Protein backbone atom coordinates (compact mmCIF):
# COMPACT_ATOMS: atom_id res chain seq x y z
CA MET A 1 77.47 54.19 108.23
CA LEU A 2 78.53 57.14 106.05
CA SER A 3 78.47 59.56 109.00
CA VAL A 4 80.71 57.21 111.02
CA LEU A 5 83.28 57.06 108.21
CA SER A 6 83.18 60.79 107.56
CA ALA A 7 83.74 61.57 111.22
CA SER A 8 86.53 59.00 111.43
CA VAL A 9 88.46 60.50 108.53
CA LEU A 10 87.86 64.09 109.57
CA ILE A 11 89.34 63.42 113.05
CA GLY A 12 92.66 62.67 111.40
CA LEU A 13 92.47 65.69 109.09
CA GLY A 14 91.47 68.25 111.69
CA PRO A 15 93.77 70.43 113.81
CA GLY A 16 95.54 68.93 116.80
CA PRO A 17 98.92 68.51 118.45
CA ALA A 18 101.69 68.12 115.85
CA SER A 19 103.11 64.96 117.40
CA SER A 20 99.85 63.05 117.75
CA ALA A 21 97.90 64.14 114.63
CA PRO A 22 99.65 61.87 112.05
CA HIS A 23 99.34 58.82 114.29
CA ALA A 24 95.67 59.55 115.06
CA ALA A 25 94.91 60.12 111.38
CA GLU A 26 96.50 56.85 110.32
CA ALA A 27 94.71 54.95 113.10
CA ASP A 28 91.39 56.45 112.00
CA LEU A 29 92.07 55.51 108.39
CA GLN A 30 92.86 51.96 109.45
CA VAL A 31 89.54 51.76 111.34
CA SER A 32 87.74 53.21 108.29
CA LEU A 33 89.32 50.58 106.05
CA GLN A 34 88.16 47.78 108.36
CA ILE A 35 84.60 49.14 108.36
CA ILE A 36 84.55 49.47 104.56
CA GLN A 37 85.91 45.96 104.04
CA GLY A 38 83.08 44.65 106.20
CA MET A 39 80.44 46.19 103.92
CA GLU A 40 78.71 44.33 101.12
CA ALA A 41 80.02 44.97 97.62
CA SER A 42 78.24 47.99 96.12
CA GLU A 43 78.89 51.20 94.21
CA GLU A 44 78.85 53.14 97.49
CA ARG A 45 81.50 50.80 98.97
CA THR A 46 83.64 51.37 95.88
CA ARG A 47 83.36 55.15 96.28
CA LEU A 48 84.27 54.91 99.96
CA ILE A 49 87.41 52.91 99.15
CA LEU A 50 88.46 55.55 96.62
CA ALA A 51 87.78 58.30 99.19
CA LEU A 52 89.93 56.46 101.73
CA VAL A 53 92.74 56.03 99.19
CA ASP A 54 92.58 59.76 98.44
CA ALA A 55 92.76 60.61 102.16
CA CYS A 56 95.66 58.20 102.65
CA ILE A 57 97.62 59.75 99.77
CA GLU A 58 97.03 63.25 101.17
CA ARG A 59 98.31 62.20 104.61
CA SER A 60 101.21 60.09 103.19
CA CYS A 61 100.04 57.23 105.38
CA SER A 62 101.83 53.88 105.50
CA LEU A 63 98.74 51.74 104.84
CA SER A 64 99.04 49.24 101.99
CA LEU A 65 96.61 50.40 99.30
CA ASP A 66 97.14 47.60 96.77
CA GLY A 67 94.41 45.45 98.32
CA PRO A 68 91.71 48.18 98.48
CA LEU A 69 92.45 49.30 94.89
CA GLU A 70 92.21 45.72 93.63
CA GLN A 71 88.86 45.39 95.45
CA VAL A 72 87.65 48.42 93.49
CA ARG A 73 88.88 46.88 90.24
CA GLN A 74 87.14 43.55 90.90
CA GLY A 75 83.91 45.25 91.95
CA LEU A 76 83.74 47.12 88.66
CA LYS A 77 83.64 43.85 86.71
CA ASN A 78 80.14 43.18 88.07
CA GLY A 79 78.76 46.72 87.72
CA ASP A 80 75.62 47.15 85.63
CA ASP A 81 75.59 50.96 85.33
CA LEU A 82 77.96 51.59 82.43
CA ALA A 83 78.36 55.34 82.94
CA ALA A 84 79.02 54.93 86.68
CA ASN A 85 81.55 52.16 85.95
CA VAL A 86 83.47 54.38 83.55
CA ARG A 87 83.63 57.27 86.02
CA LEU A 88 84.78 54.98 88.82
CA ARG A 89 87.51 53.54 86.58
CA ILE A 90 88.67 57.08 85.83
CA ALA A 91 88.82 57.84 89.56
CA LEU A 92 90.72 54.59 90.09
CA ALA A 93 93.23 55.51 87.37
CA ARG A 94 93.79 58.95 88.91
CA ALA A 95 94.50 57.31 92.29
CA GLU A 96 96.99 54.88 90.72
CA HIS A 97 98.71 57.82 88.97
CA ARG A 98 99.10 59.69 92.26
CA LEU A 99 100.67 56.58 93.75
CA GLY A 100 103.13 56.46 90.85
CA ASN A 101 101.58 53.42 89.17
CA ASP A 102 101.20 54.94 85.70
CA GLY A 103 101.19 51.56 83.95
CA GLN A 104 98.19 50.42 85.98
CA ALA A 105 96.52 53.81 85.49
CA GLN A 106 96.83 53.38 81.70
CA GLU A 107 95.25 49.91 81.90
CA ASP A 108 92.33 51.26 83.93
CA LEU A 109 91.70 54.07 81.44
CA GLN A 110 91.91 51.62 78.52
CA ALA A 111 89.28 49.43 80.24
CA ALA A 112 87.06 52.50 80.73
CA ALA A 113 87.46 53.48 77.06
CA SER A 114 86.55 49.94 76.01
CA GLU A 115 83.29 50.17 77.97
CA VAL A 116 82.39 53.44 76.23
CA GLU A 117 83.09 51.85 72.82
CA LYS A 118 80.76 48.93 73.67
CA SER A 119 77.97 51.35 74.53
CA ALA A 120 78.36 53.01 71.14
CA SER A 121 78.21 49.81 69.10
CA GLY A 122 74.45 49.19 69.21
CA ALA A 123 73.15 48.52 72.71
CA ARG A 124 72.09 52.16 73.36
CA ALA A 125 73.04 51.69 77.00
CA ILE A 126 73.87 55.41 77.18
CA SER A 127 73.00 58.34 74.95
CA ARG A 128 75.27 59.89 72.34
CA GLU A 129 75.61 63.01 74.53
CA GLU A 130 76.71 60.95 77.53
CA GLN A 131 79.18 59.01 75.38
CA ALA A 132 80.70 62.35 74.36
CA GLN A 133 80.86 63.51 77.98
CA LEU A 134 82.55 60.30 79.15
CA LEU A 135 85.08 60.52 76.34
CA LEU A 136 85.86 64.09 77.39
CA GLU A 137 86.43 62.91 80.98
CA LEU A 138 88.69 60.11 79.68
CA SER A 139 90.60 62.63 77.55
CA LEU A 140 91.31 64.84 80.57
CA ALA A 141 92.37 61.81 82.66
CA ASN A 142 94.78 60.63 79.94
CA GLN A 143 96.22 64.13 79.64
CA ALA A 144 96.77 64.13 83.44
CA ILE A 145 98.86 60.93 83.36
CA GLY A 146 100.89 62.03 80.33
CA GLU A 147 99.03 60.11 77.60
CA SER A 148 98.54 63.21 75.44
CA GLU A 149 98.09 61.38 72.12
CA VAL A 150 95.33 59.12 73.48
CA GLY A 151 93.70 62.11 75.18
CA SER A 152 93.69 64.11 71.93
CA GLU A 153 92.05 61.23 70.01
CA GLN A 154 89.33 60.90 72.65
CA LEU A 155 88.74 64.66 72.62
CA ALA A 156 88.31 64.59 68.82
CA THR A 157 85.84 61.68 69.06
CA SER A 158 83.90 63.52 71.77
CA GLN A 159 83.62 66.62 69.58
CA ALA A 160 82.49 64.53 66.60
CA LEU A 161 79.72 62.89 68.65
CA LEU A 162 78.46 66.25 69.91
CA HIS A 163 78.29 67.65 66.36
CA GLN A 164 76.90 64.49 64.75
CA ASP A 165 73.66 65.12 62.83
CA THR A 166 71.63 61.92 63.02
CA THR A 167 68.84 63.30 60.81
CA GLU A 168 71.09 63.04 57.72
CA ALA A 169 71.82 59.32 58.18
CA PHE A 170 69.28 57.96 55.70
CA PRO A 171 68.66 55.23 54.73
CA PHE A 172 69.09 54.15 58.33
CA ALA A 173 71.61 51.55 59.44
CA GLU A 174 70.13 48.09 59.98
CA GLN A 175 69.94 47.11 63.67
CA PRO A 176 69.52 43.72 65.36
CA LEU A 177 66.21 42.70 66.86
CA ASP A 178 65.52 44.52 70.15
CA LEU A 179 63.33 42.18 72.23
CA ALA A 180 62.15 42.45 75.84
CA VAL A 181 59.68 40.35 77.84
CA GLY A 182 57.99 40.50 81.21
CA ALA A 183 55.96 37.87 83.05
CA GLY A 184 53.66 37.59 86.01
CA LEU A 185 51.85 34.72 87.74
CA SER A 186 49.27 34.93 90.50
CA GLY A 187 46.95 32.35 92.04
CA SER A 188 44.86 31.33 95.00
CA SER A 189 43.24 28.15 96.23
CA PHE A 190 40.70 27.53 98.98
CA ILE A 191 37.27 26.22 98.05
CA ASP A 192 37.98 27.15 94.43
CA THR A 193 41.27 27.50 92.61
CA SER A 194 42.13 30.42 90.34
CA ALA A 195 45.31 31.48 88.58
CA THR A 196 46.38 34.13 86.07
CA LEU A 197 49.45 34.08 83.83
CA THR A 198 50.51 37.27 82.04
CA VAL A 199 53.33 37.77 79.53
CA SER A 200 54.25 41.18 78.13
CA LEU A 201 56.24 41.56 74.93
CA ASP A 202 58.05 44.50 73.35
CA GLY A 203 59.96 44.07 70.10
CA TYR A 204 61.55 46.36 67.52
CA LYS A 205 63.43 45.56 64.31
CA GLN A 206 65.11 48.19 62.11
CA TRP A 207 66.05 47.85 58.43
CA PRO A 208 67.45 50.66 56.24
CA ARG A 209 64.01 51.83 55.02
CA GLN A 210 61.59 49.77 57.12
CA ASP A 211 60.91 48.95 60.75
CA LEU A 212 58.49 46.85 62.75
CA TYR A 213 57.26 47.62 66.28
CA LEU A 214 55.25 45.20 68.42
CA THR A 215 54.06 45.66 71.99
CA GLY A 216 51.42 43.72 73.88
CA ILE A 217 50.16 41.80 76.89
CA TYR A 218 49.08 38.16 76.51
CA GLY A 219 47.85 35.61 79.01
CA GLY A 220 45.12 33.44 80.38
CA GLY A 221 43.08 33.02 83.52
CA TYR A 222 41.97 29.75 85.13
CA ASP A 223 39.05 29.48 87.55
CA SER A 224 37.72 26.13 88.79
CA ASP A 225 34.39 27.81 89.64
CA ARG A 226 33.54 28.46 85.99
CA ASP A 227 30.86 26.23 84.52
CA VAL A 228 31.73 26.41 80.82
CA LYS A 229 35.19 27.83 80.13
CA ARG A 230 37.56 27.35 83.01
CA ILE A 231 40.45 28.82 81.01
CA GLN A 232 39.83 32.22 79.45
CA PRO A 233 42.53 33.79 77.24
CA PHE A 234 43.11 37.52 76.99
CA ALA A 235 45.39 39.70 74.88
CA GLU A 236 46.05 43.28 73.89
CA SER A 237 48.50 43.81 71.04
CA ILE A 238 49.72 46.77 68.98
CA LEU A 239 51.70 46.21 65.75
CA ILE A 240 53.09 49.06 63.62
CA TYR A 241 55.02 48.77 60.34
CA ARG A 242 56.69 51.80 58.72
CA TYR A 243 58.23 52.21 55.27
CA HIS A 244 60.38 55.37 55.32
CA LEU A 245 60.18 57.57 52.22
CA ASN A 246 62.70 59.98 53.76
CA PRO A 247 63.71 60.90 57.33
CA GLY A 248 60.47 62.84 57.85
CA TRP A 249 57.70 60.91 56.06
CA HIS A 250 56.71 57.25 55.95
CA LEU A 251 53.96 54.91 54.82
CA MET A 252 52.46 52.87 57.65
CA ALA A 253 50.30 49.87 58.41
CA GLY A 254 49.13 48.99 61.89
CA ASN A 255 46.91 46.70 63.88
CA LEU A 256 45.33 46.84 67.31
CA THR A 257 43.84 43.60 68.63
CA ALA A 258 42.13 43.17 72.00
CA LEU A 259 40.73 39.79 73.09
CA ASN A 260 38.80 39.67 76.36
CA SER A 261 40.92 42.64 77.39
CA SER A 262 39.66 44.32 80.53
CA THR A 263 40.31 47.61 78.74
CA PHE A 264 38.10 46.88 75.72
CA ALA A 265 35.68 44.17 76.85
CA ALA A 266 32.00 45.05 76.63
CA GLN A 267 31.53 42.84 79.69
CA ASP A 268 33.98 40.62 81.54
CA ASP A 269 32.06 37.71 83.01
CA ASP A 270 33.66 34.28 82.89
CA ASP A 271 31.87 33.04 79.78
CA ASP A 272 31.79 36.28 77.76
CA LEU A 273 33.89 36.78 74.64
CA THR A 274 34.87 40.19 73.32
CA LEU A 275 37.16 40.83 70.35
CA VAL A 276 38.14 44.17 68.82
CA THR A 277 40.64 44.36 65.98
CA GLN A 278 41.45 47.53 64.03
CA THR A 279 43.71 47.44 60.95
CA VAL A 280 44.82 50.67 59.27
CA ALA A 281 47.09 51.75 56.42
CA GLY A 282 48.12 55.29 55.66
CA ILE A 283 50.84 57.89 55.98
CA GLY A 284 52.86 59.22 58.90
CA ARG A 285 55.01 62.20 59.78
CA ASN A 286 57.96 61.99 62.17
CA LEU A 287 57.75 64.72 64.84
CA TRP A 288 60.89 63.79 66.80
CA ARG A 289 63.68 61.23 66.54
CA GLY A 290 66.34 60.29 69.10
CA ASP A 291 69.83 58.95 68.54
CA ASP A 292 68.47 56.19 66.26
CA PRO A 293 65.16 55.43 64.48
CA SER A 294 63.90 53.17 67.30
CA SER A 295 63.39 56.25 69.49
CA PHE A 296 60.67 58.39 67.91
CA ILE A 297 57.38 60.29 68.06
CA ASP A 298 55.13 60.02 64.97
CA LEU A 299 51.76 61.39 63.88
CA GLN A 300 49.92 58.89 61.64
CA LEU A 301 46.65 58.92 59.68
CA GLY A 302 45.13 55.77 58.20
CA VAL A 303 41.97 53.98 57.11
CA GLY A 304 41.00 50.34 57.37
CA PRO A 305 38.47 47.81 58.65
CA ARG A 306 37.49 47.44 62.29
CA TYR A 307 36.00 44.15 63.48
CA ASP A 308 33.87 44.03 66.64
CA TYR A 309 32.60 40.82 68.20
CA ASP A 310 30.72 40.59 71.51
CA SER A 311 29.13 37.46 72.92
CA ILE A 312 27.59 38.33 76.28
CA ASN A 313 25.83 35.72 78.42
CA PHE A 314 25.88 33.33 75.41
CA GLU A 315 24.12 35.93 73.23
CA GLU A 316 25.85 37.40 70.18
CA LEU A 317 25.43 41.18 70.42
CA GLN A 318 27.99 42.31 67.83
CA ASN A 319 29.64 40.69 64.81
CA ASP A 320 30.41 43.59 62.52
CA VAL A 321 33.11 44.84 60.15
CA LYS A 322 33.16 48.61 59.68
CA PRO A 323 35.41 50.95 57.65
CA SER A 324 37.23 53.24 60.08
CA LEU A 325 39.39 56.34 60.02
CA ALA A 326 42.19 56.42 62.62
CA LEU A 327 44.51 59.17 63.86
CA LEU A 328 47.50 58.01 65.93
CA LEU A 329 50.21 59.70 67.94
CA VAL A 330 52.85 57.01 68.54
CA GLY A 331 56.03 57.27 70.58
CA ARG A 332 58.72 54.79 71.61
CA ASP A 333 61.68 55.09 73.99
CA VAL A 334 61.37 58.85 74.51
CA PRO A 335 64.01 59.78 77.15
CA VAL A 336 62.71 61.23 80.42
CA GLY A 337 65.90 61.52 82.42
CA ALA A 338 67.20 57.96 82.78
CA ALA A 339 63.71 56.52 82.14
CA ARG A 340 62.08 55.77 78.76
CA LEU A 341 58.50 56.74 77.86
CA SER A 342 56.44 54.96 75.17
CA PRO A 343 53.09 56.73 74.63
CA LEU A 344 50.27 55.92 72.20
CA LEU A 345 47.20 58.09 71.68
CA GLY A 346 44.70 56.83 69.11
CA VAL A 347 41.24 57.87 67.90
CA ALA A 348 39.29 55.66 65.49
CA SER A 349 35.80 56.35 64.14
CA ASP A 350 33.38 54.44 61.94
CA ILE A 351 33.39 56.32 58.62
CA SER A 352 29.65 55.70 58.13
CA ASP A 353 28.79 56.66 61.72
CA ILE A 354 31.14 59.20 63.27
CA THR A 355 29.48 58.75 66.69
CA ASP A 356 30.85 55.19 66.88
CA THR A 357 34.31 56.08 68.17
CA TYR A 358 37.16 54.53 70.16
CA LEU A 359 39.78 56.56 72.00
CA LEU A 360 42.85 54.83 73.45
CA LEU A 361 45.66 56.24 75.60
CA ASP A 362 48.37 53.65 76.34
CA THR A 363 51.49 54.87 78.15
CA SER A 364 54.47 52.84 79.34
CA LEU A 365 57.27 54.23 81.54
CA ARG A 366 60.40 52.09 81.84
CA ILE A 367 62.94 52.80 84.61
CA PRO A 368 66.26 50.94 84.18
CA ILE A 369 67.56 48.88 87.11
CA THR A 370 70.45 47.19 85.32
CA GLN A 371 71.55 47.08 81.68
CA ARG A 372 68.96 44.36 80.92
CA LEU A 373 66.44 44.66 83.75
CA ALA A 374 63.92 47.50 84.14
CA TRP A 375 60.81 48.38 86.11
CA ASP A 376 57.94 48.89 83.65
CA THR A 377 54.79 50.79 84.62
CA ARG A 378 51.87 50.91 82.19
CA ALA A 379 48.62 52.91 82.28
CA VAL A 380 45.80 52.43 79.74
CA LEU A 381 42.68 54.57 79.32
CA ARG A 382 39.93 53.59 76.86
CA TYR A 383 36.79 55.46 75.79
CA ARG A 384 34.13 53.59 73.78
CA SER A 385 31.22 55.76 72.66
CA LYS A 386 28.88 52.89 71.78
CA THR A 387 27.11 51.08 74.63
CA VAL A 388 26.99 47.32 74.08
CA VAL A 389 25.52 46.45 77.50
CA GLU A 390 24.19 48.92 80.03
CA SER A 391 26.52 47.72 82.77
CA ASN A 392 29.62 48.50 80.70
CA PRO A 393 31.22 51.91 81.40
CA ASN A 394 32.13 54.07 78.42
CA VAL A 395 35.46 54.89 80.08
CA ASN A 396 37.74 52.15 81.35
CA ALA A 397 41.26 52.29 82.82
CA ILE A 398 43.85 49.72 83.81
CA PHE A 399 47.21 50.04 85.55
CA SER A 400 50.02 47.49 85.67
CA THR A 401 53.59 47.49 86.92
CA GLY A 402 56.34 44.89 87.03
CA LEU A 403 59.80 43.79 85.94
CA ARG A 404 60.92 43.63 82.32
CA PHE A 405 63.94 41.78 80.92
CA SER A 406 65.64 42.78 77.68
CA PHE A 407 67.40 40.17 75.52
CA SER A 408 69.37 42.93 73.80
CA PRO A 409 72.63 43.89 75.56
């Protein structure tokens, strides 16, 4: 479709007889407009309309452009990519200015500026650097249409954002609860019926000197072929609390709980029950922080009890509480381009028996689709040095991927 439109417009712009070229160009632009109007609403359709408007202005064509420009304006109301919306509004305002509609151009730039302000007020839809860049683009656009005072204010705000030192903002500003969930359901039925329901949860709450981070997968599996427990629950949960002494150091308390988790289970038959829960308290050092405290990488050291319970084939093989030493590398919402990476690397050892060790690598990569919806891919690798049953591997890995919805704007 793009090649058809490009060729159509270029025919009118290329060399040809002086008497026929303007008429051919305008006819080609009319055909292009009809093709574009037949397309489904999308960002690409919006860009094509703006390209057509630009070509029409260059050729001083007689096509009515009010309708196409209004289509662009309406399409932007439903856009989910904030940065793309702002840039398209700027392009729209420049087109209106070239047509002599400076009042409408000002309204479009004001709407774009309003979107940038919303992104800066707590949703973290775009980074501080991108906010500064968009404000610079808005400043130049306002200067172009004669709004010098507005352009100067936006330029000053852009400079302030680029030179802002977030490490000095302590105690931190309190933020609303950031909560996201994902869900999955699968099932089958023939001779026997089975079904699995999975819910993932990611939550973060920031206070001036404290924060709380929770991430986990919870669910249950049903199987009509089971003799004893037809419904078997499973869960894997990580909870971390931090009390910030200063921007670099904090006291911490954390908990890892795994119930019948395929990552931690000593064995995973229908009637087995495996529970591992590790609680630690200690101190942590911040290694990196993003635009706000919810985006971080920490190194933490703590001690606390670890409880292991394994009931395999109706036989209790473990029911022990052991003092453990744990070293954790924890990250949340680390930017990787437009994506966000949340890694956790943990090593925990029994203080009385250093050979009894757990190693956990849990990494989540979130790729945004819209402002609230993202594709979340998670990989977990577990090493357990102690053999509970011979059939259980010391190394276990799981991989999951699916949609995630954020309740925070």
